[in-house]
mmCIF file of all heavy atoms, coordinates in Angstrom:
data_MODEL
# 
_entry.id   MODEL 
# 
loop_
_atom_site.group_PDB 
_atom_site.id 
_atom_site.type_symbol 
_atom_site.label_atom_id 
_atom_site.label_alt_id 
_atom_site.label_comp_id 
_atom_site.label_asym_id 
_atom_site.label_entity_id 
_atom_site.label_seq_id 
_atom_site.pdbx_PDB_ins_code 
_atom_site.Cartn_x 
_atom_site.Cartn_y 
_atom_site.Cartn_z 
_atom_site.occupancy 
_atom_site.B_iso_or_equiv 
_atom_site.pdbx_formal_charge 
_atom_site.auth_seq_id 
_atom_site.auth_comp_id 
_atom_site.auth_asym_id 
_atom_site.auth_atom_id 
_atom_site.pdbx_PDB_model_num 
ATOM 1   N N   . LYS A 1 1  ? -12.219 56.416 34.522 1.00 0.00 ? 1  LYS A N   1 
ATOM 2   C CA  . LYS A 1 1  ? -13.536 56.179 33.940 1.00 0.00 ? 1  LYS A CA  1 
ATOM 3   C C   . LYS A 1 1  ? -14.100 54.871 34.525 1.00 0.00 ? 1  LYS A C   1 
ATOM 4   O O   . LYS A 1 1  ? -13.331 53.880 34.820 1.00 0.00 ? 1  LYS A O   1 
ATOM 5   C CB  . LYS A 1 1  ? -13.536 56.088 32.418 1.00 0.00 ? 1  LYS A CB  1 
ATOM 6   C CG  . LYS A 1 1  ? -13.045 57.464 31.775 1.00 0.00 ? 1  LYS A CG  1 
ATOM 7   C CD  . LYS A 1 1  ? -13.092 57.278 30.300 1.00 0.00 ? 1  LYS A CD  1 
ATOM 8   C CE  . LYS A 1 1  ? -12.620 58.661 29.675 1.00 0.00 ? 1  LYS A CE  1 
ATOM 9   N NZ  . LYS A 1 1  ? -12.588 58.567 28.194 1.00 0.00 ? 1  LYS A NZ  1 
ATOM 10  N N   . SER A 1 2  ? -15.353 54.618 34.325 1.00 0.00 ? 2  SER A N   1 
ATOM 11  C CA  . SER A 1 2  ? -16.067 53.408 34.900 1.00 0.00 ? 2  SER A CA  1 
ATOM 12  C C   . SER A 1 2  ? -15.609 52.209 34.038 1.00 0.00 ? 2  SER A C   1 
ATOM 13  O O   . SER A 1 2  ? -15.448 52.355 32.808 1.00 0.00 ? 2  SER A O   1 
ATOM 14  C CB  . SER A 1 2  ? -17.591 53.606 34.855 1.00 0.00 ? 2  SER A CB  1 
ATOM 15  O OG  . SER A 1 2  ? -17.968 54.556 35.830 1.00 0.00 ? 2  SER A OG  1 
ATOM 16  N N   . ILE A 1 3  ? -15.573 51.096 34.616 1.00 0.00 ? 3  ILE A N   1 
ATOM 17  C CA  . ILE A 1 3  ? -15.169 49.825 34.051 1.00 0.00 ? 3  ILE A CA  1 
ATOM 18  C C   . ILE A 1 3  ? -16.230 48.851 34.000 1.00 0.00 ? 3  ILE A C   1 
ATOM 19  O O   . ILE A 1 3  ? -16.802 48.574 35.008 1.00 0.00 ? 3  ILE A O   1 
ATOM 20  C CB  . ILE A 1 3  ? -13.904 49.279 34.729 1.00 0.00 ? 3  ILE A CB  1 
ATOM 21  C CG1 . ILE A 1 3  ? -12.806 50.338 35.032 1.00 0.00 ? 3  ILE A CG1 1 
ATOM 22  C CG2 . ILE A 1 3  ? -13.408 48.015 34.075 1.00 0.00 ? 3  ILE A CG2 1 
ATOM 23  C CD1 . ILE A 1 3  ? -12.308 50.877 33.715 1.00 0.00 ? 3  ILE A CD1 1 
ATOM 24  N N   . PRO A 1 4  ? -16.512 48.200 32.749 1.00 0.00 ? 4  PRO A N   1 
ATOM 25  C CA  . PRO A 1 4  ? -17.594 47.268 32.712 1.00 0.00 ? 4  PRO A CA  1 
ATOM 26  C C   . PRO A 1 4  ? -17.263 45.842 33.371 1.00 0.00 ? 4  PRO A C   1 
ATOM 27  O O   . PRO A 1 4  ? -16.052 45.658 33.664 1.00 0.00 ? 4  PRO A O   1 
ATOM 28  C CB  . PRO A 1 4  ? -17.808 47.062 31.157 1.00 0.00 ? 4  PRO A CB  1 
ATOM 29  C CG  . PRO A 1 4  ? -16.267 47.380 30.632 1.00 0.00 ? 4  PRO A CG  1 
ATOM 30  C CD  . PRO A 1 4  ? -15.837 48.519 31.510 1.00 0.00 ? 4  PRO A CD  1 
ATOM 31  N N   . ASN A 1 5  ? -18.276 45.022 33.483 1.00 0.00 ? 5  ASN A N   1 
ATOM 32  C CA  . ASN A 1 5  ? -18.114 43.851 34.196 1.00 0.00 ? 5  ASN A CA  1 
ATOM 33  C C   . ASN A 1 5  ? -17.076 42.996 33.385 1.00 0.00 ? 5  ASN A C   1 
ATOM 34  O O   . ASN A 1 5  ? -16.955 42.940 32.235 1.00 0.00 ? 5  ASN A O   1 
ATOM 35  C CB  . ASN A 1 5  ? -19.440 43.048 34.092 1.00 0.00 ? 5  ASN A CB  1 
ATOM 36  C CG  . ASN A 1 5  ? -20.503 43.724 35.004 1.00 0.00 ? 5  ASN A CG  1 
ATOM 37  O OD1 . ASN A 1 5  ? -20.306 44.707 35.666 1.00 0.00 ? 5  ASN A OD1 1 
ATOM 38  N ND2 . ASN A 1 5  ? -21.663 43.043 35.105 1.00 0.00 ? 5  ASN A ND2 1 
ATOM 39  N N   . PHE A 1 6  ? -16.244 42.399 34.193 1.00 0.00 ? 6  PHE A N   1 
ATOM 40  C CA  . PHE A 1 6  ? -15.240 41.413 33.746 1.00 0.00 ? 6  PHE A CA  1 
ATOM 41  C C   . PHE A 1 6  ? -14.012 41.945 32.821 1.00 0.00 ? 6  PHE A C   1 
ATOM 42  O O   . PHE A 1 6  ? -13.467 41.124 32.244 1.00 0.00 ? 6  PHE A O   1 
ATOM 43  C CB  . PHE A 1 6  ? -15.883 40.219 33.122 1.00 0.00 ? 6  PHE A CB  1 
ATOM 44  C CG  . PHE A 1 6  ? -16.950 39.474 33.889 1.00 0.00 ? 6  PHE A CG  1 
ATOM 45  C CD1 . PHE A 1 6  ? -18.232 39.640 33.651 1.00 0.00 ? 6  PHE A CD1 1 
ATOM 46  C CD2 . PHE A 1 6  ? -16.576 38.717 34.935 1.00 0.00 ? 6  PHE A CD2 1 
ATOM 47  C CE1 . PHE A 1 6  ? -19.291 38.981 34.482 1.00 0.00 ? 6  PHE A CE1 1 
ATOM 48  C CE2 . PHE A 1 6  ? -17.449 38.148 35.876 1.00 0.00 ? 6  PHE A CE2 1 
ATOM 49  C CZ  . PHE A 1 6  ? -18.856 38.258 35.427 1.00 0.00 ? 6  PHE A CZ  1 
ATOM 50  N N   . ALA A 1 7  ? -13.985 43.252 32.854 1.00 0.00 ? 7  ALA A N   1 
ATOM 51  C CA  . ALA A 1 7  ? -12.918 43.829 32.158 1.00 0.00 ? 7  ALA A CA  1 
ATOM 52  C C   . ALA A 1 7  ? -11.522 43.895 32.978 1.00 0.00 ? 7  ALA A C   1 
ATOM 53  O O   . ALA A 1 7  ? -11.607 44.086 34.072 1.00 0.00 ? 7  ALA A O   1 
ATOM 54  C CB  . ALA A 1 7  ? -13.324 45.314 31.745 1.00 0.00 ? 7  ALA A CB  1 
ATOM 55  N N   . ILE A 1 8  ? -10.475 43.608 32.220 1.00 0.00 ? 8  ILE A N   1 
ATOM 56  C CA  . ILE A 1 8  ? -9.199  43.714 32.914 1.00 0.00 ? 8  ILE A CA  1 
ATOM 57  C C   . ILE A 1 8  ? -8.519  44.994 32.228 1.00 0.00 ? 8  ILE A C   1 
ATOM 58  O O   . ILE A 1 8  ? -8.404  45.247 31.067 1.00 0.00 ? 8  ILE A O   1 
ATOM 59  C CB  . ILE A 1 8  ? -8.282  42.550 32.621 1.00 0.00 ? 8  ILE A CB  1 
ATOM 60  C CG1 . ILE A 1 8  ? -8.894  41.322 33.153 1.00 0.00 ? 8  ILE A CG1 1 
ATOM 61  C CG2 . ILE A 1 8  ? -6.941  42.764 33.117 1.00 0.00 ? 8  ILE A CG2 1 
ATOM 62  C CD1 . ILE A 1 8  ? -8.162  40.013 32.813 1.00 0.00 ? 8  ILE A CD1 1 
ATOM 63  N N   . VAL A 1 9  ? -8.173  45.959 33.129 1.00 0.00 ? 9  VAL A N   1 
ATOM 64  C CA  . VAL A 1 9  ? -7.667  47.233 32.729 1.00 0.00 ? 9  VAL A CA  1 
ATOM 65  C C   . VAL A 1 9  ? -6.349  47.604 33.436 1.00 0.00 ? 9  VAL A C   1 
ATOM 66  O O   . VAL A 1 9  ? -5.943  46.993 34.524 1.00 0.00 ? 9  VAL A O   1 
ATOM 67  C CB  . VAL A 1 9  ? -8.683  48.479 32.954 1.00 0.00 ? 9  VAL A CB  1 
ATOM 68  C CG1 . VAL A 1 9  ? -9.960  48.110 32.195 1.00 0.00 ? 9  VAL A CG1 1 
ATOM 69  C CG2 . VAL A 1 9  ? -8.821  48.675 34.388 1.00 0.00 ? 9  VAL A CG2 1 
ATOM 70  N N   . GLY A 1 10 ? -5.492  48.520 32.875 1.00 0.00 ? 10 GLY A N   1 
ATOM 71  C CA  . GLY A 1 10 ? -4.260  48.788 33.434 1.00 0.00 ? 10 GLY A CA  1 
ATOM 72  C C   . GLY A 1 10 ? -3.754  50.044 32.832 1.00 0.00 ? 10 GLY A C   1 
ATOM 73  O O   . GLY A 1 10 ? -4.053  50.424 31.688 1.00 0.00 ? 10 GLY A O   1 
ATOM 74  N N   . GLY A 1 11 ? -2.814  50.695 33.474 1.00 0.00 ? 11 GLY A N   1 
ATOM 75  C CA  . GLY A 1 11 ? -2.074  51.857 33.035 1.00 0.00 ? 11 GLY A CA  1 
ATOM 76  C C   . GLY A 1 11 ? -2.486  53.128 33.645 1.00 0.00 ? 11 GLY A C   1 
ATOM 77  O O   . GLY A 1 11 ? -3.398  53.249 34.449 1.00 0.00 ? 11 GLY A O   1 
ATOM 78  N N   . ASN A 1 12 ? -1.969  54.349 33.159 1.00 0.00 ? 12 ASN A N   1 
ATOM 79  C CA  . ASN A 1 12 ? -2.300  55.694 33.617 1.00 0.00 ? 12 ASN A CA  1 
ATOM 80  C C   . ASN A 1 12 ? -2.437  56.533 32.350 1.00 0.00 ? 12 ASN A C   1 
ATOM 81  O O   . ASN A 1 12 ? -1.437  56.902 31.736 1.00 0.00 ? 12 ASN A O   1 
ATOM 82  C CB  . ASN A 1 12 ? -1.140  56.209 34.529 1.00 0.00 ? 12 ASN A CB  1 
ATOM 83  C CG  . ASN A 1 12 ? -1.462  57.536 35.040 1.00 0.00 ? 12 ASN A CG  1 
ATOM 84  O OD1 . ASN A 1 12 ? -2.418  58.082 34.863 1.00 0.00 ? 12 ASN A OD1 1 
ATOM 85  N ND2 . ASN A 1 12 ? -0.438  58.182 35.678 1.00 0.00 ? 12 ASN A ND2 1 
ATOM 86  N N   . PRO A 1 13 ? -3.605  56.846 31.992 1.00 0.00 ? 13 PRO A N   1 
ATOM 87  C CA  . PRO A 1 13 ? -4.903  56.472 32.669 1.00 0.00 ? 13 PRO A CA  1 
ATOM 88  C C   . PRO A 1 13 ? -5.214  54.986 32.224 1.00 0.00 ? 13 PRO A C   1 
ATOM 89  O O   . PRO A 1 13 ? -4.615  54.532 31.236 1.00 0.00 ? 13 PRO A O   1 
ATOM 90  C CB  . PRO A 1 13 ? -6.033  57.245 32.066 1.00 0.00 ? 13 PRO A CB  1 
ATOM 91  C CG  . PRO A 1 13 ? -5.413  57.784 30.624 1.00 0.00 ? 13 PRO A CG  1 
ATOM 92  C CD  . PRO A 1 13 ? -3.905  57.879 30.911 1.00 0.00 ? 13 PRO A CD  1 
ATOM 93  N N   . ALA A 1 14 ? -5.902  54.259 33.101 1.00 0.00 ? 14 ALA A N   1 
ATOM 94  C CA  . ALA A 1 14 ? -6.239  52.915 32.852 1.00 0.00 ? 14 ALA A CA  1 
ATOM 95  C C   . ALA A 1 14 ? -6.970  52.662 31.456 1.00 0.00 ? 14 ALA A C   1 
ATOM 96  O O   . ALA A 1 14 ? -7.953  53.339 31.236 1.00 0.00 ? 14 ALA A O   1 
ATOM 97  C CB  . ALA A 1 14 ? -7.109  52.249 33.990 1.00 0.00 ? 14 ALA A CB  1 
ATOM 98  N N   . LYS A 1 15 ? -6.477  51.679 30.737 1.00 0.00 ? 15 LYS A N   1 
ATOM 99  C CA  . LYS A 1 15 ? -7.132  51.296 29.406 1.00 0.00 ? 15 LYS A CA  1 
ATOM 100 C C   . LYS A 1 15 ? -7.502  49.846 29.327 1.00 0.00 ? 15 LYS A C   1 
ATOM 101 O O   . LYS A 1 15 ? -6.857  49.074 30.073 1.00 0.00 ? 15 LYS A O   1 
ATOM 102 C CB  . LYS A 1 15 ? -6.137  51.796 28.377 1.00 0.00 ? 15 LYS A CB  1 
ATOM 103 C CG  . LYS A 1 15 ? -5.827  53.145 28.188 1.00 0.00 ? 15 LYS A CG  1 
ATOM 104 C CD  . LYS A 1 15 ? -4.947  53.420 27.071 1.00 0.00 ? 15 LYS A CD  1 
ATOM 105 C CE  . LYS A 1 15 ? -4.689  54.970 26.877 1.00 0.00 ? 15 LYS A CE  1 
ATOM 106 N NZ  . LYS A 1 15 ? -3.849  55.287 25.640 1.00 0.00 ? 15 LYS A NZ  1 
ATOM 107 N N   . PHE A 1 16 ? -8.333  49.459 28.644 1.00 0.00 ? 16 PHE A N   1 
ATOM 108 C CA  . PHE A 1 16 ? -8.859  48.204 28.519 1.00 0.00 ? 16 PHE A CA  1 
ATOM 109 C C   . PHE A 1 16 ? -7.666  47.185 27.907 1.00 0.00 ? 16 PHE A C   1 
ATOM 110 O O   . PHE A 1 16 ? -7.004  47.629 26.995 1.00 0.00 ? 16 PHE A O   1 
ATOM 111 C CB  . PHE A 1 16 ? -10.098 48.028 27.556 1.00 0.00 ? 16 PHE A CB  1 
ATOM 112 C CG  . PHE A 1 16 ? -10.606 46.681 27.215 1.00 0.00 ? 16 PHE A CG  1 
ATOM 113 C CD1 . PHE A 1 16 ? -11.421 46.013 28.102 1.00 0.00 ? 16 PHE A CD1 1 
ATOM 114 C CD2 . PHE A 1 16 ? -10.106 45.945 26.020 1.00 0.00 ? 16 PHE A CD2 1 
ATOM 115 C CE1 . PHE A 1 16 ? -11.901 44.815 27.838 1.00 0.00 ? 16 PHE A CE1 1 
ATOM 116 C CE2 . PHE A 1 16 ? -10.518 44.703 25.789 1.00 0.00 ? 16 PHE A CE2 1 
ATOM 117 C CZ  . PHE A 1 16 ? -11.418 44.091 26.646 1.00 0.00 ? 16 PHE A CZ  1 
ATOM 118 N N   . ILE A 1 17 ? -7.496  45.985 28.595 1.00 0.00 ? 17 ILE A N   1 
ATOM 119 C CA  . ILE A 1 17 ? -6.481  45.185 28.121 1.00 0.00 ? 17 ILE A CA  1 
ATOM 120 C C   . ILE A 1 17 ? -7.198  43.952 27.556 1.00 0.00 ? 17 ILE A C   1 
ATOM 121 O O   . ILE A 1 17 ? -6.886  43.619 26.416 1.00 0.00 ? 17 ILE A O   1 
ATOM 122 C CB  . ILE A 1 17 ? -5.598  44.677 29.387 1.00 0.00 ? 17 ILE A CB  1 
ATOM 123 C CG1 . ILE A 1 17 ? -4.840  45.841 29.906 1.00 0.00 ? 17 ILE A CG1 1 
ATOM 124 C CG2 . ILE A 1 17 ? -4.619  43.585 28.943 1.00 0.00 ? 17 ILE A CG2 1 
ATOM 125 C CD1 . ILE A 1 17 ? -4.099  45.449 31.215 1.00 0.00 ? 17 ILE A CD1 1 
ATOM 126 N N   . LYS A 1 18 ? -8.135  43.299 28.185 1.00 0.00 ? 18 LYS A N   1 
ATOM 127 C CA  . LYS A 1 18 ? -8.867  42.191 27.690 1.00 0.00 ? 18 LYS A CA  1 
ATOM 128 C C   . LYS A 1 18 ? -10.061 41.864 28.614 1.00 0.00 ? 18 LYS A C   1 
ATOM 129 O O   . LYS A 1 18 ? -10.053 42.332 29.640 1.00 0.00 ? 18 LYS A O   1 
ATOM 130 C CB  . LYS A 1 18 ? -7.946  41.047 27.577 1.00 0.00 ? 18 LYS A CB  1 
ATOM 131 C CG  . LYS A 1 18 ? -7.382  40.302 28.869 1.00 0.00 ? 18 LYS A CG  1 
ATOM 132 C CD  . LYS A 1 18 ? -6.589  39.107 28.547 1.00 0.00 ? 18 LYS A CD  1 
ATOM 133 C CE  . LYS A 1 18 ? -6.108  38.533 29.884 1.00 0.00 ? 18 LYS A CE  1 
ATOM 134 N NZ  . LYS A 1 18 ? -5.225  37.303 29.639 1.00 0.00 ? 18 LYS A NZ  1 
ATOM 135 N N   . TRP A 1 19 ? -10.891 40.919 27.994 1.00 0.00 ? 19 TRP A N   1 
ATOM 136 C CA  . TRP A 1 19 ? -11.971 40.432 28.891 1.00 0.00 ? 19 TRP A CA  1 
ATOM 137 C C   . TRP A 1 19 ? -11.490 39.245 29.663 1.00 0.00 ? 19 TRP A C   1 
ATOM 138 O O   . TRP A 1 19 ? -10.675 38.562 29.243 1.00 0.00 ? 19 TRP A O   1 
ATOM 139 C CB  . TRP A 1 19 ? -13.170 39.910 28.025 1.00 0.00 ? 19 TRP A CB  1 
ATOM 140 C CG  . TRP A 1 19 ? -13.827 41.072 27.309 1.00 0.00 ? 19 TRP A CG  1 
ATOM 141 C CD1 . TRP A 1 19 ? -13.875 41.268 25.942 1.00 0.00 ? 19 TRP A CD1 1 
ATOM 142 C CD2 . TRP A 1 19 ? -14.622 42.224 27.908 1.00 0.00 ? 19 TRP A CD2 1 
ATOM 143 N NE1 . TRP A 1 19 ? -14.588 42.250 25.612 1.00 0.00 ? 19 TRP A NE1 1 
ATOM 144 C CE2 . TRP A 1 19 ? -15.044 42.881 26.838 1.00 0.00 ? 19 TRP A CE2 1 
ATOM 145 C CE3 . TRP A 1 19 ? -15.007 42.450 29.226 1.00 0.00 ? 19 TRP A CE3 1 
ATOM 146 C CZ2 . TRP A 1 19 ? -15.903 44.056 27.023 1.00 0.00 ? 19 TRP A CZ2 1 
ATOM 147 C CZ3 . TRP A 1 19 ? -15.803 43.561 29.336 1.00 0.00 ? 19 TRP A CZ3 1 
ATOM 148 C CH2 . TRP A 1 19 ? -16.222 44.259 28.258 1.00 0.00 ? 19 TRP A CH2 1 
ATOM 149 N N   . ARG A 1 20 ? -11.939 39.184 30.952 1.00 0.00 ? 20 ARG A N   1 
ATOM 150 C CA  . ARG A 1 20 ? -11.568 38.062 31.867 1.00 0.00 ? 20 ARG A CA  1 
ATOM 151 C C   . ARG A 1 20 ? -12.027 36.816 31.291 1.00 0.00 ? 20 ARG A C   1 
ATOM 152 O O   . ARG A 1 20 ? -11.367 35.758 31.456 1.00 0.00 ? 20 ARG A O   1 
ATOM 153 C CB  . ARG A 1 20 ? -12.107 38.357 33.185 1.00 0.00 ? 20 ARG A CB  1 
ATOM 154 C CG  . ARG A 1 20 ? -11.650 37.513 34.331 1.00 0.00 ? 20 ARG A CG  1 
ATOM 155 C CD  . ARG A 1 20 ? -12.114 37.984 35.661 1.00 0.00 ? 20 ARG A CD  1 
ATOM 156 N NE  . ARG A 1 20 ? -12.127 37.046 36.736 1.00 0.00 ? 20 ARG A NE  1 
ATOM 157 C CZ  . ARG A 1 20 ? -12.511 37.173 37.867 1.00 0.00 ? 20 ARG A CZ  1 
ATOM 158 N NH1 . ARG A 1 20 ? -13.167 38.324 38.166 1.00 0.00 ? 20 ARG A NH1 1 
ATOM 159 N NH2 . ARG A 1 20 ? -12.471 36.236 38.772 1.00 0.00 ? 20 ARG A NH2 1 
ATOM 160 N N   . PHE A 1 21 ? -13.330 36.731 30.798 1.00 0.00 ? 21 PHE A N   1 
ATOM 161 C CA  . PHE A 1 21 ? -13.782 35.478 30.169 1.00 0.00 ? 21 PHE A CA  1 
ATOM 162 C C   . PHE A 1 21 ? -14.482 35.822 28.963 1.00 0.00 ? 21 PHE A C   1 
ATOM 163 O O   . PHE A 1 21 ? -14.757 36.931 28.486 1.00 0.00 ? 21 PHE A O   1 
ATOM 164 C CB  . PHE A 1 21 ? -14.906 34.873 31.159 1.00 0.00 ? 21 PHE A CB  1 
ATOM 165 C CG  . PHE A 1 21 ? -14.443 34.732 32.550 1.00 0.00 ? 21 PHE A CG  1 
ATOM 166 C CD1 . PHE A 1 21 ? -14.919 35.441 33.610 1.00 0.00 ? 21 PHE A CD1 1 
ATOM 167 C CD2 . PHE A 1 21 ? -13.531 33.669 32.861 1.00 0.00 ? 21 PHE A CD2 1 
ATOM 168 C CE1 . PHE A 1 21 ? -14.497 35.314 34.841 1.00 0.00 ? 21 PHE A CE1 1 
ATOM 169 C CE2 . PHE A 1 21 ? -13.078 33.497 34.113 1.00 0.00 ? 21 PHE A CE2 1 
ATOM 170 C CZ  . PHE A 1 21 ? -13.611 34.346 35.134 1.00 0.00 ? 21 PHE A CZ  1 
ATOM 171 N N   . GLU A 1 22 ? -14.805 34.840 28.082 1.00 0.00 ? 22 GLU A N   1 
ATOM 172 C CA  . GLU A 1 22 ? -15.457 35.009 26.752 1.00 0.00 ? 22 GLU A CA  1 
ATOM 173 C C   . GLU A 1 22 ? -16.917 35.388 27.047 1.00 0.00 ? 22 GLU A C   1 
ATOM 174 O O   . GLU A 1 22 ? -17.383 35.276 28.136 1.00 0.00 ? 22 GLU A O   1 
ATOM 175 C CB  . GLU A 1 22 ? -15.465 33.759 25.866 1.00 0.00 ? 22 GLU A CB  1 
ATOM 176 C CG  . GLU A 1 22 ? -16.173 32.549 26.554 1.00 0.00 ? 22 GLU A CG  1 
ATOM 177 C CD  . GLU A 1 22 ? -15.951 31.369 25.731 1.00 0.00 ? 22 GLU A CD  1 
ATOM 178 O OE1 . GLU A 1 22 ? -14.868 31.190 25.051 1.00 0.00 ? 22 GLU A OE1 1 
ATOM 179 O OE2 . GLU A 1 22 ? -17.001 30.479 25.657 1.00 0.00 ? 22 GLU A OE2 1 
ATOM 180 N N   . GLU A 1 23 ? -17.555 36.052 26.023 1.00 0.00 ? 23 GLU A N   1 
ATOM 181 C CA  . GLU A 1 23 ? -18.977 36.593 26.240 1.00 0.00 ? 23 GLU A CA  1 
ATOM 182 C C   . GLU A 1 23 ? -19.844 35.601 26.759 1.00 0.00 ? 23 GLU A C   1 
ATOM 183 O O   . GLU A 1 23 ? -20.707 36.130 27.655 1.00 0.00 ? 23 GLU A O   1 
ATOM 184 C CB  . GLU A 1 23 ? -19.330 37.199 24.906 1.00 0.00 ? 23 GLU A CB  1 
ATOM 185 C CG  . GLU A 1 23 ? -20.703 37.982 25.048 1.00 0.00 ? 23 GLU A CG  1 
ATOM 186 C CD  . GLU A 1 23 ? -21.001 38.653 23.637 1.00 0.00 ? 23 GLU A CD  1 
ATOM 187 O OE1 . GLU A 1 23 ? -20.410 38.460 22.703 1.00 0.00 ? 23 GLU A OE1 1 
ATOM 188 O OE2 . GLU A 1 23 ? -22.097 39.334 23.672 1.00 0.00 ? 23 GLU A OE2 1 
ATOM 189 N N   . SER A 1 24 ? -19.992 34.485 26.357 1.00 0.00 ? 24 SER A N   1 
ATOM 190 C CA  . SER A 1 24 ? -21.008 33.492 26.752 1.00 0.00 ? 24 SER A CA  1 
ATOM 191 C C   . SER A 1 24 ? -20.927 33.222 28.320 1.00 0.00 ? 24 SER A C   1 
ATOM 192 O O   . SER A 1 24 ? -21.851 33.135 28.977 1.00 0.00 ? 24 SER A O   1 
ATOM 193 C CB  . SER A 1 24 ? -20.974 32.145 25.995 1.00 0.00 ? 24 SER A CB  1 
ATOM 194 O OG  . SER A 1 24 ? -19.774 31.551 25.997 1.00 0.00 ? 24 SER A OG  1 
ATOM 195 N N   . VAL A 1 25 ? -19.573 33.176 28.716 1.00 0.00 ? 25 VAL A N   1 
ATOM 196 C CA  . VAL A 1 25 ? -19.329 32.864 30.125 1.00 0.00 ? 25 VAL A CA  1 
ATOM 197 C C   . VAL A 1 25 ? -19.679 34.155 30.902 1.00 0.00 ? 25 VAL A C   1 
ATOM 198 O O   . VAL A 1 25 ? -20.294 34.015 31.963 1.00 0.00 ? 25 VAL A O   1 
ATOM 199 C CB  . VAL A 1 25 ? -17.874 32.551 30.328 1.00 0.00 ? 25 VAL A CB  1 
ATOM 200 C CG1 . VAL A 1 25 ? -17.480 32.437 31.799 1.00 0.00 ? 25 VAL A CG1 1 
ATOM 201 C CG2 . VAL A 1 25 ? -17.418 31.229 29.602 1.00 0.00 ? 25 VAL A CG2 1 
# 
């Protein structure tokens, strides 16, 4: 599936792990 800006994903199927930066950044 498509991945939003600055998202870190992984796995099979890939799942959201965390945001690369906080929202304001």
